[in-house]
Amino acid sequence: MGSDFNQPQRQSIVGILVMFVYSLQGYAKALWPILVIWIFKFDQINKFYLLIGIIVVFTIVGIVSYLRYLNFTFYIDHKNGEFIITEGIFNKTKTTIQLYKIQQVNINQSLIQRLVGVYELAVDTAGSNKKEGDIRAISHELALDLKVRLLENENKKNVNNDDSISTSDEISIEKTIDSEAPFIKISFLSLLKIGITSNYVKSFFVLLAFFITLFDHIKQITGRDILHDENIEDYVDKSQIATTFLMLFVIFFLAVIIINLVKTIFTYFDYKIARQKGSLLLSYGLLNAKSTIIKPEKVQITSITQNYFQKKMNVLHLKIKQATGGEKEDHKLAIEIPGCDKLEKDSILKLLFQKIPEKGVMLKPNFRKLGFSVFLTIGLPLLGFYFVRDLIIEELPTIDYFVLLFVLFIGIIQFFAFKNTRLYINDDFLILQSGAWDVTNKIILPSKIQAITTSQLFWHKNINIGSLTLHTAGGNISFQLGNFTAIKQYVNLWLYEMETSDSNWM
């Protein structure tokens, strides 16, 4: 017999511990610079006062966690068709979620939740691009039961579309999630391949920001600026500066690869994909276990990304954006499937689209797009460098060589980015290809387009070029400076399809 969700109920009692740990994590993230200073000055701190301070902080956080647990309740109001969550300590908050707006219910488990044997249930709705309801400490059985109850409205819609399926069948399917046999399992080797061949730029800037912040805090603590140390020649001979910079670059690059590798393995470990009544059930995670469902009718944009090394290794990265209903595009809500090979990719695309998308008529951008990109990324920086060159040439005589390398590197990137930018169109699909190193193909169905924006600057009219932006519930895709006559012809066809489509992407 299922649980009774008609009356307000609390989370599991161990939810107090979960809230306690999450609260400590939040304070640690907010106050980590102070913690770093305390570590460096540990010998100068009065240990008695430090111990008293720690006890006071833990006591306050414990009391707050208990009050949060005590005041957190949830229940389903079947009469009004609402899921209601109340929370708060002094300022009580009541969140009311209309059941018919619930898009997705995910059951996740972080490391601390795994240790104490509870799960998190997160509710996504069609009216927001973030989680509307979040219950952090309930049992697995209760989470599955609540998930079924919250999705009953959607199950009934499916029943109406297919009379051969009963509500009891839906509940049975939901309750046997763990027994679904995966038809795709991303191997550990595939994760290794993806980990060492992706996200270089993102990880580079994250690592760079970390070191700059670290050096800044060291300067505040010691009063010494390591980045502008006048006695740096005491550590590095002038004749070996170039070699030292090269070694630092290699070490930095290896650190980026290691960060990518560790992050990929920890995030996507034991990645399994199973079929669940025409949908995809995804489960993955080493420390933070997650599970989510992809419904083909709600898929808006499907991205396939692959670079040269990944192509040689026969791996690629899939990213799927479902309808969120939020005003802003949120990349964190995209569902990622890393490490697929070509056959696995085709299997997923067939389930999502009933066939493999093919590239049709090709539209390519005018060469002026390349010129404008070069002006923004090379021309303007060089202009700025011209005005400050005399100020820095004495401190860094080799700056001209770095500028030359910068121009060559950015020039090559912009050339390949222009070469790879294409819009492919056929009767069933639109595929936007873009990227210099990581080449991405974004696939959308014309019936999923919500709005279309075309633009043309007045000096582009004589050469008949313009830009196109397609708006969907999962984000926008843009194609710039293509043949404007061809763009307008396809826009008319898409507008007609939008008006006549009965697609239920919600």
Protein backbone atom coordinates (compact mmCIF):
# COMPACT_ATOMS: atom_id res chain seq x y z
CA MET A 1 0.00 0.00 0.00
CA GLY A 2 1.34 3.42 -0.96
CA SER A 3 2.18 6.21 1.46
CA ASP A 4 -0.42 8.79 2.45
CA PHE A 5 0.65 12.17 1.09
CA ASN A 6 -2.67 13.87 1.86
CA GLN A 7 -1.40 15.08 5.24
CA PRO A 8 1.73 17.19 5.88
CA GLN A 9 4.73 15.06 6.74
CA ARG A 10 8.37 15.67 7.54
CA GLN A 11 11.54 14.30 6.06
CA SER A 12 13.48 11.43 7.59
CA ILE A 13 14.90 12.24 11.02
CA VAL A 14 18.46 11.94 9.66
CA GLY A 15 17.55 14.96 7.53
CA ILE A 16 18.82 17.01 10.48
CA LEU A 17 22.33 15.68 9.83
CA VAL A 18 22.00 16.29 6.07
CA MET A 19 20.90 19.90 6.65
CA PHE A 20 23.71 20.34 9.19
CA VAL A 21 26.37 19.23 6.69
CA TYR A 22 24.91 21.30 3.84
CA SER A 23 24.81 24.37 6.11
CA LEU A 24 28.46 23.89 7.07
CA GLN A 25 29.37 23.53 3.39
CA GLY A 26 27.56 26.76 2.60
CA TYR A 27 29.37 28.68 5.34
CA ALA A 28 32.72 27.17 4.33
CA LYS A 29 32.26 28.26 0.71
CA ALA A 30 31.31 31.78 1.77
CA LEU A 31 34.11 32.17 4.34
CA TRP A 32 36.94 30.15 2.80
CA PRO A 33 39.34 33.15 2.51
CA ILE A 34 39.07 33.65 6.28
CA LEU A 35 39.65 29.93 6.84
CA VAL A 36 42.80 30.08 4.68
CA ILE A 37 44.11 33.00 6.75
CA TRP A 38 43.43 31.08 9.98
CA ILE A 39 45.36 28.08 8.62
CA PHE A 40 48.39 30.25 7.80
CA LYS A 41 48.22 31.94 11.22
CA PHE A 42 47.27 28.85 13.18
CA ASP A 43 50.31 29.13 15.51
CA GLN A 44 49.35 32.71 16.43
CA ILE A 45 45.72 31.91 17.29
CA ASN A 46 44.63 31.29 20.87
CA LYS A 47 43.66 27.61 20.75
CA PHE A 48 41.16 27.92 23.62
CA TYR A 49 39.19 30.70 21.91
CA LEU A 50 39.39 28.82 18.62
CA LEU A 51 37.88 25.71 20.25
CA ILE A 52 35.13 27.77 21.89
CA GLY A 53 34.40 29.45 18.56
CA ILE A 54 34.12 26.10 16.76
CA ILE A 55 31.78 24.74 19.44
CA VAL A 56 29.59 27.86 19.24
CA VAL A 57 29.43 27.70 15.43
CA PHE A 58 28.56 23.98 15.44
CA THR A 59 25.92 24.54 18.11
CA ILE A 60 24.26 27.38 16.20
CA VAL A 61 24.34 25.43 12.92
CA GLY A 62 22.91 22.38 14.71
CA ILE A 63 20.02 24.38 16.19
CA VAL A 64 19.28 26.01 12.82
CA SER A 65 19.36 22.60 11.10
CA TYR A 66 16.93 21.14 13.65
CA LEU A 67 14.51 24.07 13.25
CA ARG A 68 14.72 23.77 9.46
CA TYR A 69 13.93 20.06 9.72
CA LEU A 70 11.06 20.71 12.15
CA ASN A 71 9.44 23.39 9.97
CA PHE A 72 9.88 21.55 6.66
CA THR A 73 6.74 19.67 5.58
CA PHE A 74 5.28 18.53 2.27
CA TYR A 75 1.99 17.05 1.07
CA ILE A 76 -0.28 16.74 -1.96
CA ASP A 77 -3.57 18.65 -2.07
CA HIS A 78 -5.54 16.43 -4.46
CA LYS A 79 -8.61 18.63 -4.25
CA ASN A 80 -6.79 21.63 -5.74
CA GLY A 81 -4.23 19.60 -7.69
CA GLU A 82 -1.24 21.06 -5.84
CA PHE A 83 2.01 19.90 -4.28
CA ILE A 84 2.74 22.06 -1.22
CA ILE A 85 6.04 22.54 0.59
CA THR A 86 6.43 24.69 3.71
CA GLU A 87 9.82 25.65 5.11
CA GLY A 88 11.67 28.36 7.01
CA ILE A 89 12.63 29.28 10.56
CA PHE A 90 11.55 32.85 11.21
CA ASN A 91 10.23 33.70 7.76
CA LYS A 92 7.98 30.80 6.82
CA THR A 93 7.73 30.05 3.10
CA LYS A 94 4.95 28.12 1.40
CA THR A 95 5.67 26.83 -2.08
CA THR A 96 2.65 25.70 -4.09
CA ILE A 97 3.30 23.72 -7.27
CA GLN A 98 0.47 22.93 -9.66
CA LEU A 99 0.63 19.21 -10.43
CA TYR A 100 -0.12 19.71 -14.12
CA LYS A 101 2.95 21.98 -14.41
CA ILE A 102 5.38 19.38 -13.10
CA GLN A 103 7.74 18.46 -15.94
CA GLN A 104 10.13 16.13 -14.23
CA VAL A 105 10.86 14.54 -10.85
CA ASN A 106 14.45 13.44 -10.25
CA ILE A 107 15.77 11.24 -7.45
CA ASN A 108 19.41 11.98 -6.54
CA GLN A 109 21.81 10.97 -3.80
CA SER A 110 24.91 12.89 -2.68
CA LEU A 111 27.78 11.39 -0.68
CA ILE A 112 26.39 12.47 2.70
CA GLN A 113 22.92 11.22 1.72
CA ARG A 114 24.43 7.90 0.69
CA LEU A 115 26.22 7.58 4.02
CA VAL A 116 23.01 8.08 6.04
CA GLY A 117 20.78 6.15 3.61
CA VAL A 118 18.43 8.84 2.30
CA TYR A 119 17.66 10.39 -1.09
CA GLU A 120 16.86 13.80 -2.53
CA LEU A 121 13.74 14.38 -4.62
CA ALA A 122 13.83 17.42 -6.93
CA VAL A 123 10.78 18.75 -8.81
CA ASP A 124 11.15 20.71 -12.07
CA THR A 125 8.19 22.62 -13.48
CA ALA A 126 7.28 24.22 -16.78
CA GLY A 127 7.26 27.69 -15.26
CA SER A 128 10.84 27.96 -14.03
CA ASN A 129 14.39 27.19 -15.10
CA LYS A 130 15.35 25.98 -11.61
CA LYS A 131 14.17 23.34 -9.17
CA GLU A 132 10.84 24.43 -7.66
CA GLY A 133 10.67 21.77 -4.95
CA ASP A 134 13.60 20.09 -3.24
CA ILE A 135 13.21 17.43 -0.53
CA ARG A 136 16.66 16.43 0.68
CA ALA A 137 16.14 13.53 3.05
CA ILE A 138 13.57 10.81 2.35
CA SER A 139 13.83 7.06 1.92
CA HIS A 140 14.15 5.53 -1.53
CA GLU A 141 10.79 3.78 -1.31
CA LEU A 142 9.07 6.99 -0.25
CA ALA A 143 10.84 8.95 -3.00
CA LEU A 144 9.65 6.51 -5.68
CA ASP A 145 6.10 6.53 -4.30
CA LEU A 146 5.99 10.34 -4.18
CA LYS A 147 7.41 10.54 -7.70
CA VAL A 148 4.60 8.37 -9.00
CA ARG A 149 1.97 10.48 -7.25
CA LEU A 150 3.40 13.73 -8.58
CA LEU A 151 3.47 12.42 -12.14
CA GLU A 152 -0.01 10.85 -12.10
CA ASN A 153 -1.44 13.69 -14.19
CA GLU A 154 1.12 13.09 -16.89
CA ASN A 155 0.55 9.37 -16.71
CA LYS A 156 -3.16 9.98 -17.27
CA LYS A 157 -2.33 12.03 -20.37
CA ASN A 158 -0.29 9.11 -21.67
CA VAL A 159 -3.20 6.79 -20.93
CA ASN A 160 -5.55 8.96 -22.97
CA ASN A 161 -3.11 8.84 -25.87
CA ASP A 162 -2.77 5.09 -25.64
CA ASP A 163 -5.78 3.19 -24.26
CA SER A 164 -3.77 0.00 -23.90
CA ILE A 165 -1.80 1.48 -20.98
CA SER A 166 -3.34 1.63 -17.53
CA THR A 167 -2.43 3.78 -14.55
CA SER A 168 -1.43 0.69 -12.59
CA ASP A 169 1.00 -0.19 -15.37
CA GLU A 170 2.58 3.27 -15.06
CA ILE A 171 2.94 2.93 -11.30
CA SER A 172 4.47 -0.51 -11.73
CA ILE A 173 7.00 0.88 -14.18
CA GLU A 174 7.94 3.74 -11.85
CA LYS A 175 8.39 1.42 -8.89
CA THR A 176 10.70 -0.91 -10.78
CA ILE A 177 13.09 1.78 -11.99
CA ASP A 178 16.09 0.03 -10.54
CA SER A 179 15.26 -3.20 -12.40
CA GLU A 180 15.31 -1.56 -15.84
CA ALA A 181 18.04 -3.22 -17.92
CA PRO A 182 20.36 -0.57 -19.44
CA PHE A 183 20.78 -0.76 -23.20
CA ILE A 184 23.79 1.60 -23.09
CA LYS A 185 26.52 1.71 -20.46
CA ILE A 186 29.33 4.24 -20.84
CA SER A 187 32.58 2.41 -20.12
CA PHE A 188 35.30 3.70 -17.81
CA LEU A 189 37.67 3.81 -20.81
CA SER A 190 35.26 6.11 -22.67
CA LEU A 191 35.16 8.46 -19.67
CA LEU A 192 38.96 8.52 -19.67
CA LYS A 193 38.98 9.46 -23.36
CA ILE A 194 36.47 12.27 -22.82
CA GLY A 195 38.23 13.46 -19.69
CA ILE A 196 41.59 14.00 -21.40
CA THR A 197 40.20 15.51 -24.62
CA SER A 198 37.59 18.08 -23.52
CA ASN A 199 36.95 21.32 -21.61
CA TYR A 200 40.51 22.63 -21.92
CA VAL A 201 39.55 26.31 -22.09
CA LYS A 202 37.01 26.17 -19.26
CA SER A 203 39.32 24.30 -16.91
CA PHE A 204 42.24 26.57 -17.84
CA PHE A 205 40.40 29.72 -16.78
CA VAL A 206 39.02 28.05 -13.63
CA LEU A 207 42.56 27.04 -12.62
CA LEU A 208 43.93 30.46 -13.56
CA ALA A 209 41.26 32.22 -11.47
CA PHE A 210 42.09 29.91 -8.54
CA PHE A 211 45.81 30.74 -8.63
CA ILE A 212 45.20 34.48 -9.01
CA THR A 213 42.85 34.40 -6.01
CA LEU A 214 45.38 32.32 -4.05
CA PHE A 215 48.24 34.73 -4.83
CA ASP A 216 46.02 37.65 -3.84
CA HIS A 217 45.28 36.11 -0.44
CA ILE A 218 48.97 35.26 0.09
CA LYS A 219 49.78 38.91 -0.62
CA GLN A 220 47.20 40.01 1.96
CA ILE A 221 48.58 37.60 4.55
CA THR A 222 52.35 37.99 3.99
CA GLY A 223 52.46 41.42 2.34
CA ARG A 224 54.56 39.97 -0.49
CA ASP A 225 53.51 40.09 -4.14
CA ILE A 226 54.77 36.86 -5.70
CA LEU A 227 53.67 37.83 -9.21
CA HIS A 228 55.75 41.03 -9.10
CA ASP A 229 58.66 39.95 -6.95
CA GLU A 230 61.70 42.16 -7.69
CA ASN A 231 64.02 39.38 -6.51
CA ILE A 232 62.60 36.75 -8.83
CA GLU A 233 65.99 36.56 -10.55
CA ASP A 234 67.26 34.98 -7.34
CA TYR A 235 65.19 31.90 -8.18
CA VAL A 236 65.36 31.85 -11.98
CA ASP A 237 68.35 32.76 -14.12
CA LYS A 238 67.54 35.33 -16.82
CA SER A 239 68.82 33.02 -19.56
CA GLN A 240 66.38 30.33 -18.43
CA ILE A 241 63.22 32.45 -18.22
CA ALA A 242 61.85 31.11 -21.53
CA THR A 243 62.53 27.51 -20.46
CA THR A 244 60.91 28.17 -17.08
CA PHE A 245 57.80 29.62 -18.72
CA LEU A 246 57.60 26.58 -21.01
CA MET A 247 57.86 24.20 -18.04
CA LEU A 248 55.21 26.14 -16.14
CA PHE A 249 52.94 25.99 -19.18
CA VAL A 250 53.40 22.21 -19.47
CA ILE A 251 52.70 21.75 -15.74
CA PHE A 252 49.65 24.00 -16.00
CA PHE A 253 48.38 22.07 -19.03
CA LEU A 254 48.85 18.73 -17.25
CA ALA A 255 46.96 20.13 -14.25
CA VAL A 256 44.09 21.10 -16.56
CA ILE A 257 43.95 17.56 -18.00
CA ILE A 258 44.00 16.01 -14.52
CA ILE A 259 41.19 18.31 -13.35
CA ASN A 260 39.10 17.40 -16.41
CA LEU A 261 39.76 13.71 -15.91
CA VAL A 262 38.91 13.65 -12.20
CA LYS A 263 35.79 15.78 -12.68
CA THR A 264 34.53 13.61 -15.56
CA ILE A 265 35.05 10.34 -13.69
CA PHE A 266 33.51 11.56 -10.44
CA THR A 267 30.51 13.15 -12.20
CA TYR A 268 29.67 10.47 -14.77
CA PHE A 269 30.98 7.24 -13.24
CA ASP A 270 28.89 4.14 -13.99
CA TYR A 271 26.74 5.97 -16.55
CA LYS A 272 23.76 3.80 -17.55
CA ILE A 273 20.97 4.49 -20.02
CA ALA A 274 17.82 2.37 -19.98
CA ARG A 275 14.56 2.47 -21.93
CA GLN A 276 11.52 3.30 -19.88
CA LYS A 277 8.31 3.32 -21.86
CA GLY A 278 9.61 5.30 -24.82
CA SER A 279 11.80 7.54 -22.64
CA LEU A 280 15.44 7.42 -21.57
CA LEU A 281 16.26 6.73 -17.92
CA LEU A 282 19.75 7.99 -17.05
CA SER A 283 21.67 7.14 -13.87
CA TYR A 284 25.25 8.10 -13.03
CA GLY A 285 27.64 9.49 -10.41
CA LEU A 286 30.38 8.23 -8.11
CA LEU A 287 29.91 10.35 -4.99
CA ASN A 288 26.71 12.14 -6.03
CA ALA A 289 24.38 9.59 -7.62
CA LYS A 290 21.77 11.08 -9.95
CA SER A 291 18.91 9.76 -12.02
CA THR A 292 16.78 11.58 -14.55
CA ILE A 293 14.39 10.89 -17.40
CA ILE A 294 14.50 12.28 -20.94
CA LYS A 295 11.13 12.40 -22.66
CA PRO A 296 11.44 12.62 -26.46
CA GLU A 297 8.43 14.93 -26.81
CA LYS A 298 10.07 17.47 -24.48
CA VAL A 299 13.50 17.47 -26.11
CA GLN A 300 14.20 20.87 -27.67
CA ILE A 301 17.87 20.97 -28.69
CA THR A 302 20.22 18.01 -29.04
CA SER A 303 23.92 18.85 -29.35
CA ILE A 304 26.63 16.48 -30.56
CA THR A 305 30.20 17.67 -29.87
CA GLN A 306 33.40 16.07 -31.09
CA ASN A 307 36.96 17.22 -31.71
CA TYR A 308 39.78 15.70 -33.76
CA PHE A 309 41.16 13.48 -30.97
CA GLN A 310 37.70 12.29 -29.95
CA LYS A 311 36.92 11.43 -33.55
CA LYS A 312 40.02 9.25 -33.73
CA MET A 313 39.05 7.59 -30.43
CA ASN A 314 35.41 7.11 -31.55
CA VAL A 315 33.88 9.01 -28.64
CA LEU A 316 31.66 12.09 -28.54
CA HIS A 317 29.66 14.24 -26.15
CA LEU A 318 25.86 14.47 -26.26
CA LYS A 319 23.94 17.30 -24.60
CA ILE A 320 20.15 17.37 -24.47
CA LYS A 321 18.03 20.37 -23.50
CA GLN A 322 14.41 19.77 -22.59
CA ALA A 323 11.61 22.31 -22.27
CA THR A 324 12.17 24.33 -19.12
CA GLY A 325 9.73 27.18 -19.50
CA GLY A 326 12.22 29.55 -17.86
CA GLU A 327 12.88 33.02 -19.19
CA LYS A 328 16.63 32.47 -19.38
CA GLU A 329 18.62 29.62 -20.77
CA ASP A 330 20.36 27.67 -18.03
CA HIS A 331 23.24 25.47 -19.16
CA LYS A 332 23.24 23.61 -15.84
CA LEU A 333 19.86 22.12 -16.71
CA ALA A 334 21.18 20.49 -19.87
CA ILE A 335 21.46 16.71 -19.64
CA GLU A 336 24.87 15.45 -20.73
CA ILE A 337 25.83 12.01 -22.02
CA PRO A 338 29.65 11.82 -22.34
CA GLY A 339 31.69 9.12 -24.00
CA CYS A 340 29.19 7.73 -26.50
CA ASP A 341 30.49 5.99 -29.58
CA LYS A 342 28.81 6.32 -32.98
CA LEU A 343 26.51 3.31 -32.57
CA GLU A 344 25.37 4.43 -29.11
CA LYS A 345 24.74 7.94 -30.43
CA ASP A 346 22.61 6.56 -33.26
CA SER A 347 20.60 4.44 -30.81
CA ILE A 348 19.85 7.48 -28.65
CA LEU A 349 18.91 9.64 -31.63
CA LYS A 350 16.57 6.96 -32.96
CA LEU A 351 14.76 6.81 -29.65
CA LEU A 352 14.50 10.62 -29.47
CA PHE A 353 13.56 11.30 -33.11
CA GLN A 354 12.46 7.86 -34.43
CA LYS A 355 15.22 8.18 -37.04
CA ILE A 356 18.77 9.46 -37.41
CA PRO A 357 18.85 13.19 -38.39
CA GLU A 358 20.47 13.82 -41.75
CA LYS A 359 22.03 16.99 -43.08
CA GLY A 360 20.11 18.58 -45.95
CA VAL A 361 20.54 21.84 -47.87
CA MET A 362 23.58 23.76 -46.64
CA LEU A 363 23.67 27.48 -45.88
CA LYS A 364 27.06 28.99 -45.11
CA PRO A 365 27.96 32.46 -43.80
CA ASN A 366 29.38 35.24 -45.94
CA PHE A 367 33.14 35.83 -45.66
CA ARG A 368 32.37 39.16 -43.95
CA LYS A 369 31.56 37.16 -40.82
CA LEU A 370 35.19 36.04 -40.72
CA GLY A 371 36.39 39.61 -41.22
CA PHE A 372 34.21 40.94 -38.42
CA SER A 373 35.31 38.17 -36.04
CA VAL A 374 38.98 38.87 -36.82
CA PHE A 375 38.42 42.59 -36.19
CA LEU A 376 36.85 41.92 -32.76
CA THR A 377 39.34 39.29 -31.56
CA ILE A 378 42.58 40.51 -33.19
CA GLY A 379 42.12 44.06 -34.49
CA LEU A 380 40.79 45.64 -31.30
CA PRO A 381 43.33 43.90 -28.96
CA LEU A 382 46.19 44.98 -31.26
CA LEU A 383 44.90 48.55 -31.22
CA GLY A 384 44.88 48.52 -27.43
CA PHE A 385 48.36 46.98 -27.35
CA TYR A 386 49.68 49.76 -29.63
CA PHE A 387 48.88 52.39 -26.98
CA VAL A 388 50.46 50.50 -24.04
CA ARG A 389 53.39 48.82 -25.80
CA ASP A 390 55.93 51.47 -24.84
CA LEU A 391 54.97 51.12 -21.17
CA ILE A 392 55.60 47.37 -20.94
CA ILE A 393 58.35 46.81 -23.53
CA GLU A 394 61.10 47.64 -20.99
CA GLU A 395 59.86 45.11 -18.41
CA LEU A 396 59.09 42.41 -20.97
CA PRO A 397 61.29 42.79 -24.08
CA THR A 398 59.90 39.60 -25.63
CA ILE A 399 56.31 40.88 -25.58
CA ASP A 400 56.26 41.26 -29.39
CA TYR A 401 56.82 37.51 -29.80
CA PHE A 402 53.91 36.76 -27.49
CA VAL A 403 51.73 39.16 -29.50
CA LEU A 404 52.73 37.41 -32.73
CA LEU A 405 51.83 34.01 -31.23
CA PHE A 406 48.52 35.46 -30.05
CA VAL A 407 47.67 36.75 -33.54
CA LEU A 408 48.56 33.42 -35.18
CA PHE A 409 46.64 31.36 -32.61
CA ILE A 410 43.47 33.48 -32.67
CA GLY A 411 43.65 33.79 -36.46
CA ILE A 412 43.71 30.00 -36.88
CA ILE A 413 40.81 29.59 -34.43
CA GLN A 414 38.67 32.18 -36.23
CA PHE A 415 39.43 30.62 -39.63
CA PHE A 416 38.32 27.14 -38.55
CA ALA A 417 35.32 28.56 -36.67
CA PHE A 418 34.21 30.26 -39.90
CA LYS A 419 34.93 27.16 -41.97
CA ASN A 420 32.87 24.93 -39.66
CA THR A 421 29.86 27.25 -39.31
CA ARG A 422 27.05 25.81 -41.43
CA LEU A 423 23.26 25.54 -41.24
CA TYR A 424 21.81 22.32 -42.71
CA ILE A 425 18.10 22.18 -43.49
CA ASN A 426 15.79 19.37 -44.57
CA ASP A 427 12.07 18.69 -44.16
CA ASP A 428 12.41 17.14 -40.71
CA PHE A 429 15.45 18.71 -39.05
CA LEU A 430 17.59 21.81 -38.71
CA ILE A 431 21.25 21.23 -37.84
CA LEU A 432 23.52 24.13 -36.88
CA GLN A 433 27.21 23.23 -37.05
CA SER A 434 29.73 25.47 -35.28
CA GLY A 435 33.05 25.47 -33.43
CA ALA A 436 36.76 25.68 -34.21
CA TRP A 437 38.27 22.75 -32.29
CA ASP A 438 35.22 21.22 -30.62
CA VAL A 439 32.75 21.01 -33.50
CA THR A 440 29.14 20.98 -32.31
CA ASN A 441 26.04 20.00 -34.27
CA LYS A 442 22.82 21.32 -32.70
CA ILE A 443 19.69 19.48 -33.86
CA ILE A 444 16.15 20.86 -33.56
CA LEU A 445 12.80 19.99 -35.08
CA PRO A 446 10.99 22.80 -36.98
CA SER A 447 7.85 21.98 -34.96
CA LYS A 448 9.71 22.86 -31.71
CA ILE A 449 10.43 26.44 -32.82
CA GLN A 450 8.48 28.97 -30.75
CA ALA A 451 9.56 32.19 -32.43
CA ILE A 452 11.86 33.34 -35.23
CA THR A 453 13.91 36.54 -35.42
CA THR A 454 15.55 37.77 -38.62
CA SER A 455 17.74 40.86 -38.86
CA GLN A 456 19.63 42.72 -41.56
CA LEU A 457 21.83 45.79 -41.21
CA PHE A 458 21.22 48.45 -43.88
CA TRP A 459 24.74 48.05 -45.35
CA HIS A 460 24.07 44.34 -45.82
CA LYS A 461 21.02 44.83 -48.05
CA ASN A 462 22.98 45.34 -51.27
CA ILE A 463 24.93 42.11 -50.73
CA ASN A 464 21.80 40.22 -49.58
CA ILE A 465 23.05 38.82 -46.26
CA GLY A 466 21.36 38.73 -42.85
CA SER A 467 21.06 36.84 -39.58
CA LEU A 468 18.60 34.34 -38.13
CA THR A 469 17.73 33.38 -34.55
CA LEU A 470 15.46 30.43 -33.71
CA HIS A 471 13.83 30.54 -30.26
CA THR A 472 12.85 27.30 -28.54
CA ALA A 473 11.77 26.35 -25.02
CA GLY A 474 15.28 24.95 -24.45
CA GLY A 475 17.26 27.97 -25.69
CA ASN A 476 18.12 29.80 -28.89
CA ILE A 477 20.34 29.04 -31.87
CA SER A 478 21.66 31.72 -34.20
CA PHE A 479 23.07 31.75 -37.73
CA GLN A 480 24.71 35.00 -38.83
CA LEU A 481 25.35 36.65 -42.18
CA GLY A 482 23.90 34.00 -44.47
CA ASN A 483 22.02 34.39 -47.76
CA PHE A 484 19.02 36.48 -46.67
CA THR A 485 16.74 35.45 -49.53
CA ALA A 486 17.19 31.76 -48.68
CA ILE A 487 16.74 32.50 -44.97
CA LYS A 488 13.40 34.28 -45.58
CA GLN A 489 12.12 31.41 -47.74
CA TYR A 490 12.81 28.85 -45.03
CA VAL A 491 11.40 31.16 -42.35
CA ASN A 492 8.05 31.21 -44.19
CA LEU A 493 8.00 27.40 -44.28
CA TRP A 494 8.83 27.16 -40.56
CA LEU A 495 6.18 29.70 -39.61
CA TYR A 496 3.59 27.66 -41.49
CA GLU A 497 4.74 24.47 -39.74
CA MET A 498 4.62 26.23 -36.34
CA GLU A 499 0.99 27.26 -36.98
CA THR A 500 -0.14 23.83 -38.12
CA SER A 501 1.88 21.73 -35.66
CA ASP A 502 0.11 19.93 -32.81
CA SER A 503 3.41 19.06 -31.07
CA ASN A 504 3.01 18.76 -27.28
CA TRP A 505 6.49 19.84 -26.13
CA MET A 506 5.15 20.74 -22.67
